[in-house]
Protein backbone atom coordinates (compact mmCIF):
# COMPACT_ATOMS: atom_id res chain seq x y z
CA MET A 1 0.00 0.00 0.00
CA ALA A 2 1.34 3.42 -0.97
CA PHE A 3 2.26 6.02 1.63
CA ILE A 4 -0.62 8.21 0.38
CA LYS A 5 -4.21 7.29 -0.48
CA LEU A 6 -4.29 6.73 -4.22
CA ASN A 7 -7.39 6.74 -6.41
CA ASN A 8 -6.83 3.11 -7.32
CA GLU A 9 -4.66 1.12 -4.91
CA SER A 10 -4.45 -1.79 -7.34
CA LEU A 11 -2.33 0.17 -9.83
CA PRO A 12 1.41 -0.47 -9.32
CA GLY A 13 4.38 1.89 -9.29
CA ILE A 14 4.14 5.07 -11.27
CA VAL A 15 0.88 3.90 -12.87
CA GLY A 16 -1.00 4.54 -9.61
CA LEU A 17 0.75 7.88 -9.14
CA LEU A 18 -0.11 9.01 -12.67
CA ASP A 19 -3.73 8.07 -12.04
CA TYR A 20 -3.65 10.07 -8.79
CA ARG A 21 -2.47 13.32 -10.43
CA PRO A 22 -3.56 13.55 -14.08
CA GLU A 23 -2.22 17.12 -14.26
CA THR A 24 1.35 15.92 -13.66
CA ALA A 25 0.81 12.58 -15.41
CA LYS A 26 0.50 14.26 -18.80
CA THR A 27 3.88 15.97 -18.56
CA LEU A 28 5.69 12.99 -17.00
CA SER A 29 4.25 10.62 -19.62
CA GLU A 30 5.13 12.95 -22.49
CA LEU A 31 8.70 13.26 -21.16
CA ALA A 32 9.06 9.46 -21.03
CA GLU A 33 7.60 9.18 -24.54
CA THR A 34 10.06 11.74 -25.92
CA LEU A 35 13.10 10.30 -24.13
CA LEU A 36 12.42 6.64 -24.83
CA ARG A 37 10.48 6.59 -28.09
CA GLY A 38 11.06 9.94 -29.79
CA PRO A 39 13.41 10.56 -32.71
CA SER A 40 16.96 9.47 -31.87
CA THR A 41 19.93 7.66 -33.34
CA LEU A 42 19.76 5.43 -30.25
CA THR A 43 17.18 2.69 -30.61
CA SER A 44 14.23 2.64 -28.24
CA GLY A 45 15.62 -0.65 -26.92
CA GLU A 46 18.94 0.98 -26.08
CA ARG A 47 17.21 3.89 -24.37
CA GLU A 48 14.96 1.53 -22.39
CA LEU A 49 18.07 -0.42 -21.37
CA ILE A 50 19.62 2.81 -20.05
CA ALA A 51 16.41 3.61 -18.13
CA ALA A 52 16.21 0.07 -16.72
CA SER A 53 19.89 0.10 -15.71
CA VAL A 54 19.58 3.43 -13.90
CA SER A 55 16.44 2.17 -12.16
CA ASN A 56 18.27 -1.00 -11.12
CA TRP A 57 21.19 1.02 -9.70
CA ASN A 58 18.62 3.11 -7.81
CA GLU A 59 16.99 -0.10 -6.54
CA CYS A 60 13.60 0.92 -7.95
CA HIS A 61 12.08 -2.49 -8.64
CA PHE A 62 9.00 -1.26 -10.52
CA CYS A 63 10.87 1.01 -12.95
CA TYR A 64 13.72 -1.46 -13.45
CA SER A 65 11.26 -4.27 -14.19
CA SER A 66 8.89 -2.34 -16.44
CA HIS A 67 11.63 -0.66 -18.51
CA GLY A 68 13.70 -3.84 -18.60
CA ALA A 69 10.64 -5.66 -19.95
CA SER A 70 10.18 -2.91 -22.52
CA ALA A 71 13.84 -3.19 -23.55
CA ALA A 72 13.37 -6.96 -23.90
CA ALA A 73 10.32 -6.42 -26.10
CA HIS A 74 12.12 -3.87 -28.29
CA MET A 75 15.19 -6.08 -28.61
CA ASN A 76 13.20 -9.30 -29.09
CA LEU A 77 14.87 -10.82 -26.01
CA PRO A 78 13.33 -13.00 -23.31
CA ILE A 79 12.24 -11.52 -19.97
CA GLU A 80 15.43 -13.00 -18.47
CA LEU A 81 17.06 -9.78 -19.68
CA LEU A 82 15.94 -8.47 -16.27
CA ASP A 83 18.28 -10.93 -14.58
CA ASP A 84 21.14 -9.87 -16.84
CA ILE A 85 20.55 -6.18 -16.06
CA LYS A 86 20.80 -7.06 -12.35
CA ASN A 87 24.08 -8.89 -13.09
CA GLY A 88 25.65 -5.98 -14.99
CA LEU A 89 24.66 -7.02 -18.53
CA LEU A 90 27.37 -9.68 -18.73
CA ALA A 91 25.37 -11.96 -21.04
CA THR A 92 23.85 -9.30 -23.32
CA ARG A 93 25.90 -8.27 -26.32
CA LEU A 94 26.41 -4.49 -26.15
CA SER A 95 28.16 -2.24 -28.61
CA PRO A 96 31.22 -0.37 -27.30
CA LYS A 97 29.17 2.82 -27.73
CA LEU A 98 26.32 1.55 -25.55
CA GLU A 99 28.83 0.34 -22.94
CA GLN A 100 30.28 3.85 -22.74
CA LEU A 101 26.85 5.47 -22.62
CA LEU A 102 25.83 3.14 -19.79
CA ASN A 103 29.01 4.17 -17.97
CA ILE A 104 27.99 7.83 -18.32
CA ALA A 105 24.44 6.97 -17.17
CA HIS A 106 25.85 5.26 -14.08
CA LEU A 107 28.01 8.27 -13.28
CA VAL A 108 25.00 10.58 -13.61
CA GLN A 109 22.94 8.22 -11.43
CA VAL A 110 25.44 8.72 -8.61
CA SER A 111 26.00 12.44 -9.28
CA GLY A 112 26.09 14.48 -12.45
CA ARG A 113 29.34 15.96 -11.22
CA ASN A 114 30.99 12.55 -11.60
CA VAL A 115 31.00 12.80 -15.39
CA THR A 116 34.39 13.93 -16.74
CA ARG A 117 35.69 15.03 -20.12
CA GLU A 118 37.56 11.73 -20.26
CA ASP A 119 34.25 9.87 -19.94
CA LEU A 120 32.80 11.93 -22.78
CA ASP A 121 35.93 11.38 -24.90
CA ARG A 122 35.68 7.60 -24.40
CA ALA A 123 32.02 7.73 -25.45
CA ARG A 124 32.84 9.83 -28.53
CA ASN A 125 35.75 7.52 -29.42
CA SER A 126 33.33 4.59 -29.30
CA GLY A 127 31.05 6.34 -31.81
CA ALA A 128 28.64 8.27 -29.57
CA THR A 129 27.42 11.62 -30.86
CA ASP A 130 26.92 14.67 -28.68
CA GLN A 131 23.15 14.22 -29.01
CA GLU A 132 23.41 10.59 -27.84
CA ILE A 133 25.50 11.69 -24.86
CA HIS A 134 22.99 14.45 -24.12
CA ASP A 135 20.06 12.06 -24.33
CA THR A 136 21.83 9.49 -22.12
CA VAL A 137 22.46 12.09 -19.43
CA LEU A 138 18.85 13.29 -19.63
CA ILE A 139 17.45 9.74 -19.48
CA ALA A 140 19.64 8.97 -16.45
CA ALA A 141 18.65 12.20 -14.69
CA ALA A 142 14.95 11.77 -15.50
CA PHE A 143 14.92 8.19 -14.28
CA CYS A 144 16.51 9.20 -11.00
CA MET A 145 13.48 11.50 -10.62
CA TYR A 146 10.97 8.83 -11.70
CA ASN A 147 12.59 6.28 -9.35
CA ARG A 148 12.48 8.64 -6.40
CA TYR A 149 8.85 9.50 -7.18
CA VAL A 150 7.83 5.83 -7.25
CA ASP A 151 9.82 4.76 -4.20
CA GLY A 152 9.40 8.00 -2.25
CA LEU A 153 5.65 7.41 -2.11
CA GLY A 154 6.00 3.72 -1.27
CA THR A 155 4.14 2.31 -4.25
CA TRP A 156 3.80 -1.45 -4.67
CA ALA A 157 5.23 -3.55 -7.46
CA PRO A 158 4.89 -7.20 -8.40
CA GLU A 159 8.06 -9.13 -7.60
CA GLU A 160 7.91 -11.67 -10.42
CA LYS A 161 9.54 -10.56 -13.67
CA GLU A 162 6.85 -12.42 -15.64
CA ALA A 163 4.28 -9.94 -14.34
CA TYR A 164 5.95 -7.25 -16.48
CA ILE A 165 5.88 -9.00 -19.86
CA ASP A 166 2.58 -7.51 -21.06
CA MET A 167 3.44 -4.09 -19.67
CA GLY A 168 6.82 -4.16 -21.40
CA LYS A 169 5.21 -5.00 -24.74
CA LYS A 170 2.59 -2.28 -24.32
CA LEU A 171 5.22 0.34 -23.46
CA ALA A 172 7.46 -0.77 -26.31
CA PHE A 173 4.82 -0.85 -29.01
CA GLU A 174 2.15 1.61 -27.85
CA GLY A 175 4.14 4.09 -25.79
CA TYR A 176 3.77 6.17 -22.68
CA VAL A 177 0.85 8.44 -23.51
CA THR A 178 -1.74 5.69 -23.33
CA LYS A 179 -4.63 5.27 -20.93
CA SER A 180 -4.02 1.73 -19.73
CA ILE A 181 -0.82 -0.04 -18.77
CA PRO A 182 -1.39 -3.75 -18.16
CA ILE A 183 0.19 -5.42 -15.17
CA ARG A 184 -0.48 -9.02 -14.44
CA LYS A 185 -0.51 -10.21 -10.85
CA ILE A 186 0.99 -13.65 -10.53
CA ASN A 187 -0.86 -16.28 -8.50
CA GLU A 188 -4.13 -14.39 -8.11
């Protein structure tokens, strides 16, 4: 049960919070849509993987699971991608560019001041453009906010990764400015 009385206590994570405040939901949803699905030279799968990784580092189970499931859907990978994200993406083949962008995202997740010119040079040398670096930093910063919003209000989230499969597909293929986000409760 969330720390505040939500309109619909059965809605998990940010879904319940968006339902609670439609005035802020519109802006937050549009930001996620732009960052994760808008025009970019990074694929939506890569951007979802950045969001899921930041959420994992922040220990935000709902955001990590939902965005990891979306990354899996975009990349046509099984839901076990969530386990690999938890383990540092050791089994998932990443380009050198994405490895460097994930490094920058992790630095931003800890503190934006941790990013150095050397980090940016390594990303550029691996093929990252300034726009891709910009978008990575913004995704990491935005997901720190989303994670703190979800966890700061004590929302609930299903534990089982399988509960996020339908949600991940919906986010991947329909986006963030939609009315319904499916979440399947396991064993109900």
